[in-house]
Amino acid sequence: TVRHDDNPRIRGMVNKVSHLVRAHEVEDE
């Protein structure tokens, strides 16, 4: 598990490799 801040750069990276990774949003602890 890797956690990243939610920002447009991270979202773009996730969208680009969405066929390789599983991503989901988590609530702040």
C-alpha atoms as a PDB file:
ATOM      1  CA  THR A   1       0.000   0.000   0.000  1.00  0.00           C
ATOM      2  CA  VAL A   2       1.243   3.439  -0.920  1.00  0.00           C
ATOM      3  CA  ARG A   3      -0.484   6.634   0.079  1.00  0.00           C
ATOM      4  CA  HIS A   4      -0.162   9.924  -1.772  1.00  0.00           C
ATOM      5  CA  ASP A   5      -1.691  13.335  -1.303  1.00  0.00           C
ATOM      6  CA  ASP A   6      -4.619  14.048  -3.597  1.00  0.00           C
ATOM      7  CA  ASN A   7      -3.513  16.491  -6.252  1.00  0.00           C
ATOM      8  CA  PRO A   8      -3.849  16.806 -10.032  1.00  0.00           C
ATOM      9  CA  ARG A   9      -0.333  15.459 -10.678  1.00  0.00           C
ATOM     10  CA  ILE A  10      -0.939  12.263  -8.709  1.00  0.00           C
ATOM     11  CA  ARG A  11      -4.373  11.805 -10.283  1.00  0.00           C
ATOM     12  CA  GLY A  12      -2.875  12.167 -13.748  1.00  0.00           C
ATOM     13  CA  MET A  13      -0.226   9.554 -12.971  1.00  0.00           C
ATOM     14  CA  VAL A  14      -2.871   7.150 -11.636  1.00  0.00           C
ATOM     15  CA  ASN A  15      -5.088   7.682 -14.675  1.00  0.00           C
ATOM     16  CA  LYS A  16      -2.155   7.011 -17.002  1.00  0.00           C
ATOM     17  CA  VAL A  17      -1.367   3.634 -15.401  1.00  0.00           C
ATOM     18  CA  SER A  18      -4.882   2.735 -14.268  1.00  0.00           C
ATOM     19  CA  HIS A  19      -4.652  -0.558 -16.182  1.00  0.00           C
ATOM     20  CA  LEU A  20      -1.643  -1.526 -14.025  1.00  0.00           C
ATOM     21  CA  VAL A  21      -2.733  -0.371 -10.580  1.00  0.00           C
ATOM     22  CA  ARG A  22      -5.753  -0.341  -8.325  1.00  0.00           C
ATOM     23  CA  ALA A  23      -6.463   2.987  -6.671  1.00  0.00           C
ATOM     24  CA  HIS A  24      -9.100   4.044  -4.200  1.00  0.00           C
ATOM     25  CA  GLU A  25      -9.706   7.009  -1.961  1.00  0.00           C
ATOM     26  CA  VAL A  26      -9.308   6.673   1.780  1.00  0.00           C
ATOM     27  CA  GLU A  27     -10.500   8.945   4.538  1.00  0.00           C
ATOM     28  CA  ASP A  28      -7.888  10.886   6.492  1.00  0.00           C
ATOM     29  CA  GLU A  29      -7.128   9.219   9.780  1.00  0.00           C
END
